[in-house]
Amino acid sequence: MNSYDRFWELVYGARRYLQLVLFFLLFLLVLSGVALVFGQSEAASATMLLLDIILVLALGAVTLVMHWYSTKRHIQNRQ
């Protein structure tokens, strides 16, 4: 087993924490959406909120892909 396989086994072991991160990012996304709709309509604040939403979505996508790929590798290694 090389370090690549060990890394993905560690990620698979931390699936519970990845799910927690995903729920936290979903909460941040909802808060950012509410702030975008009901917040100040200045250009600078709207730009910062859109940047925040993009960063939260990007981090959520990375976390989701890590969760999916580690689960996929674990299932393949068990067969």
Protein backbone atom coordinates (compact mmCIF):
# COMPACT_ATOMS: atom_id res chain seq x y z
CA MET A 1 0.00 0.00 0.00
CA ASN A 2 1.56 3.27 -1.09
CA SER A 3 1.04 6.71 0.38
CA TYR A 4 -1.69 7.52 -2.15
CA ASP A 5 -3.79 4.59 -0.94
CA ARG A 6 -3.11 5.45 2.69
CA PHE A 7 -4.25 9.03 2.08
CA TRP A 8 -7.59 7.92 0.65
CA GLU A 9 -8.08 5.43 3.48
CA LEU A 10 -7.60 8.29 5.94
CA VAL A 11 -10.07 10.41 4.01
CA TYR A 12 -12.55 7.52 4.05
CA GLY A 13 -12.13 7.27 7.81
CA ALA A 14 -12.94 10.97 8.12
CA ARG A 15 -16.21 10.79 6.15
CA ARG A 16 -18.20 11.87 9.19
CA TYR A 17 -16.15 15.06 9.40
CA LEU A 18 -16.49 15.67 5.67
CA GLN A 19 -20.26 15.46 6.07
CA LEU A 20 -20.06 17.94 8.93
CA VAL A 21 -18.04 20.31 6.74
CA LEU A 22 -20.64 19.96 3.97
CA PHE A 23 -23.49 20.84 6.33
CA PHE A 24 -21.53 23.82 7.67
CA LEU A 25 -20.86 25.03 4.12
CA LEU A 26 -24.55 24.63 3.29
CA PHE A 27 -25.38 26.77 6.33
CA LEU A 28 -22.88 29.42 5.19
CA LEU A 29 -24.37 29.32 1.70
CA VAL A 30 -27.88 29.90 3.07
CA LEU A 31 -26.64 32.78 5.22
CA SER A 32 -24.83 34.33 2.27
CA GLY A 33 -27.94 34.01 0.12
CA VAL A 34 -30.07 35.68 2.78
CA ALA A 35 -27.51 38.46 3.14
CA LEU A 36 -27.44 38.92 -0.63
CA VAL A 37 -31.22 39.24 -0.82
CA PHE A 38 -31.86 41.29 2.32
CA GLY A 39 -28.52 43.03 2.82
CA GLN A 40 -27.22 46.35 1.64
CA SER A 41 -27.37 46.83 -2.10
CA GLU A 42 -24.04 48.59 -2.48
CA ALA A 43 -21.72 47.34 -5.19
CA ALA A 44 -18.84 46.52 -2.83
CA SER A 45 -20.93 44.45 -0.42
CA ALA A 46 -22.68 42.59 -3.24
CA THR A 47 -19.32 41.81 -4.82
CA MET A 48 -17.95 40.46 -1.54
CA LEU A 49 -21.05 38.32 -1.03
CA LEU A 50 -20.82 36.89 -4.52
CA LEU A 51 -17.15 36.12 -3.95
CA ASP A 52 -18.07 34.46 -0.67
CA ILE A 53 -20.74 32.35 -2.37
CA ILE A 54 -18.29 31.29 -5.08
CA LEU A 55 -15.68 30.28 -2.49
CA VAL A 56 -18.21 28.34 -0.41
CA LEU A 57 -19.47 26.52 -3.52
CA ALA A 58 -15.92 25.70 -4.63
CA LEU A 59 -14.94 24.35 -1.22
CA GLY A 60 -18.19 22.39 -1.07
CA ALA A 61 -17.47 20.85 -4.47
CA VAL A 62 -13.96 19.82 -3.39
CA THR A 63 -15.29 18.31 -0.16
CA LEU A 64 -18.07 16.48 -1.98
CA VAL A 65 -15.66 15.04 -4.56
CA MET A 66 -13.27 13.91 -1.82
CA HIS A 67 -16.14 12.17 -0.01
CA TRP A 68 -17.38 10.51 -3.20
CA TYR A 69 -13.95 9.39 -4.42
CA SER A 70 -12.84 7.98 -1.07
CA THR A 71 -16.07 5.98 -0.81
CA LYS A 72 -15.66 4.75 -4.38
CA ARG A 73 -12.07 3.62 -3.72
CA HIS A 74 -13.07 1.91 -0.49
CA ILE A 75 -15.80 -0.07 -2.25
CA GLN A 76 -13.41 -1.06 -5.07
CA ASN A 77 -10.71 -2.17 -2.61
CA ARG A 78 -13.17 -4.37 -0.70
CA GLN A 79 -14.05 -6.36 -3.83
